Amino acid sequence: MMSVAGESASRAQQLQDRVRELNERAERTSDPKERRRLHDEARRMQEQSMKEGGRAGGDGPGRGPGGRQGEFPSR
């Protein structure tokens, strides 16, 4: 059974993956309204990921090198 912190970190990772996917889709679309919608949705999910990552503790999802909030390492 996964701990609460582990479940939170897992959920935050899923949100990060979704944020990355939305941003990639936004960059591929030629429709400015759709691009904005996708970026807005990605931003909301990123904020949610940071909140959930904060509950997981440590340098979890939502924190980049140095533990700075809102910076995601590129893969």
C-alpha atoms as a PDB file:
ATOM      1  CA  MET A   1       0.000   0.000   0.000  1.00  0.00           C
ATOM      2  CA  MET A   2       1.308   3.461  -0.940  1.00  0.00           C
ATOM      3  CA  SER A   3       1.681   6.123   1.747  1.00  0.00           C
ATOM      4  CA  VAL A   4      -0.307   9.359   1.621  1.00  0.00           C
ATOM      5  CA  ALA A   5       2.864  11.244   0.700  1.00  0.00           C
ATOM      6  CA  GLY A   6       3.603   8.710  -2.034  1.00  0.00           C
ATOM      7  CA  GLU A   7       0.082   8.973  -3.429  1.00  0.00           C
ATOM      8  CA  SER A   8       0.320  12.766  -3.387  1.00  0.00           C
ATOM      9  CA  ALA A   9       3.672  12.714  -5.157  1.00  0.00           C
ATOM     10  CA  SER A  10       2.317  10.256  -7.725  1.00  0.00           C
ATOM     11  CA  ARG A  11      -0.713  12.461  -8.400  1.00  0.00           C
ATOM     12  CA  ALA A  12       1.495  15.531  -8.709  1.00  0.00           C
ATOM     13  CA  GLN A  13       3.701  13.669 -11.221  1.00  0.00           C
ATOM     14  CA  GLN A  14       0.629  12.756 -13.257  1.00  0.00           C
ATOM     15  CA  LEU A  15      -0.423  16.408 -13.263  1.00  0.00           C
ATOM     16  CA  GLN A  16       3.070  17.484 -14.371  1.00  0.00           C
ATOM     17  CA  ASP A  17       2.945  14.999 -17.238  1.00  0.00           C
ATOM     18  CA  ARG A  18      -0.441  16.368 -18.285  1.00  0.00           C
ATOM     19  CA  VAL A  19       0.860  19.969 -18.081  1.00  0.00           C
ATOM     20  CA  ARG A  20       3.765  19.045 -20.358  1.00  0.00           C
ATOM     21  CA  GLU A  21       1.381  17.352 -22.811  1.00  0.00           C
ATOM     22  CA  LEU A  22      -0.957  20.370 -22.915  1.00  0.00           C
ATOM     23  CA  ASN A  23       1.916  22.779 -23.496  1.00  0.00           C
ATOM     24  CA  GLU A  24       3.242  20.607 -26.324  1.00  0.00           C
ATOM     25  CA  ARG A  25      -0.211  20.491 -27.929  1.00  0.00           C
ATOM     26  CA  ALA A  26      -0.518  24.259 -27.569  1.00  0.00           C
ATOM     27  CA  GLU A  27       2.764  24.777 -29.401  1.00  0.00           C
ATOM     28  CA  ARG A  28       1.665  22.508 -32.258  1.00  0.00           C
ATOM     29  CA  THR A  29      -1.726  24.134 -32.892  1.00  0.00           C
ATOM     30  CA  SER A  30      -2.101  26.959 -35.388  1.00  0.00           C
ATOM     31  CA  ASP A  31      -5.330  28.293 -33.816  1.00  0.00           C
ATOM     32  CA  PRO A  32      -4.482  31.162 -31.420  1.00  0.00           C
ATOM     33  CA  LYS A  33      -7.662  30.651 -29.357  1.00  0.00           C
ATOM     34  CA  GLU A  34      -6.975  26.946 -28.922  1.00  0.00           C
ATOM     35  CA  ARG A  35      -3.330  27.679 -28.045  1.00  0.00           C
ATOM     36  CA  ARG A  36      -4.425  30.101 -25.339  1.00  0.00           C
ATOM     37  CA  ARG A  37      -7.014  27.647 -23.987  1.00  0.00           C
ATOM     38  CA  LEU A  38      -4.435  24.866 -23.778  1.00  0.00           C
ATOM     39  CA  HIS A  39      -1.853  27.126 -22.104  1.00  0.00           C
ATOM     40  CA  ASP A  40      -4.474  28.345 -19.601  1.00  0.00           C
ATOM     41  CA  GLU A  41      -5.477  24.780 -18.762  1.00  0.00           C
ATOM     42  CA  ALA A  42      -1.804  23.807 -18.389  1.00  0.00           C
ATOM     43  CA  ARG A  43      -1.221  26.760 -16.038  1.00  0.00           C
ATOM     44  CA  ARG A  44      -4.162  25.753 -13.828  1.00  0.00           C
ATOM     45  CA  MET A  45      -2.936  22.169 -13.678  1.00  0.00           C
ATOM     46  CA  GLN A  46       0.597  23.333 -12.879  1.00  0.00           C
ATOM     47  CA  GLU A  47      -0.739  25.361  -9.956  1.00  0.00           C
ATOM     48  CA  GLN A  48      -2.640  22.298  -8.745  1.00  0.00           C
ATOM     49  CA  SER A  49       0.503  20.174  -9.130  1.00  0.00           C
ATOM     50  CA  MET A  50       2.503  22.632  -7.041  1.00  0.00           C
ATOM     51  CA  LYS A  51      -0.113  22.523  -4.294  1.00  0.00           C
ATOM     52  CA  GLU A  52      -0.166  18.745  -4.279  1.00  0.00           C
ATOM     53  CA  GLY A  53       3.619  18.572  -4.482  1.00  0.00           C
ATOM     54  CA  GLY A  54       3.847  20.827  -1.445  1.00  0.00           C
ATOM     55  CA  ARG A  55       1.714  18.384   0.526  1.00  0.00           C
ATOM     56  CA  ALA A  56       4.094  15.582  -0.465  1.00  0.00           C
ATOM     57  CA  GLY A  57       6.978  17.519   1.063  1.00  0.00           C
ATOM     58  CA  GLY A  58      10.626  17.822   0.113  1.00  0.00           C
ATOM     59  CA  ASP A  59      11.804  18.778  -3.345  1.00  0.00           C
ATOM     60  CA  GLY A  60       8.840  17.051  -4.907  1.00  0.00           C
ATOM     61  CA  PRO A  61       6.939  17.863  -8.080  1.00  0.00           C
ATOM     62  CA  GLY A  62       6.528  21.544  -8.736  1.00  0.00           C
ATOM     63  CA  ARG A  63      10.055  22.347  -7.653  1.00  0.00           C
ATOM     64  CA  GLY A  64      13.020  22.617  -9.951  1.00  0.00           C
ATOM     65  CA  PRO A  65      16.723  22.561  -9.207  1.00  0.00           C
ATOM     66  CA  GLY A  66      17.373  24.379  -5.959  1.00  0.00           C
ATOM     67  CA  GLY A  67      13.789  23.713  -4.876  1.00  0.00           C
ATOM     68  CA  ARG A  68      12.383  26.804  -6.589  1.00  0.00           C
ATOM     69  CA  GLN A  69       8.619  26.744  -6.929  1.00  0.00           C
ATOM     70  CA  GLY A  70       7.157  26.622 -10.435  1.00  0.00           C
ATOM     71  CA  GLU A  71      10.236  25.487 -12.318  1.00  0.00           C
ATOM     72  CA  PHE A  72      10.106  22.089 -13.904  1.00  0.00           C
ATOM     73  CA  PRO A  73      13.227  20.386 -15.220  1.00  0.00           C
ATOM     74  CA  SER A  74      13.082  19.533 -18.915  1.00  0.00           C
ATOM     75  CA  ARG A  75      13.389  15.898 -19.886  1.00  0.00           C
END
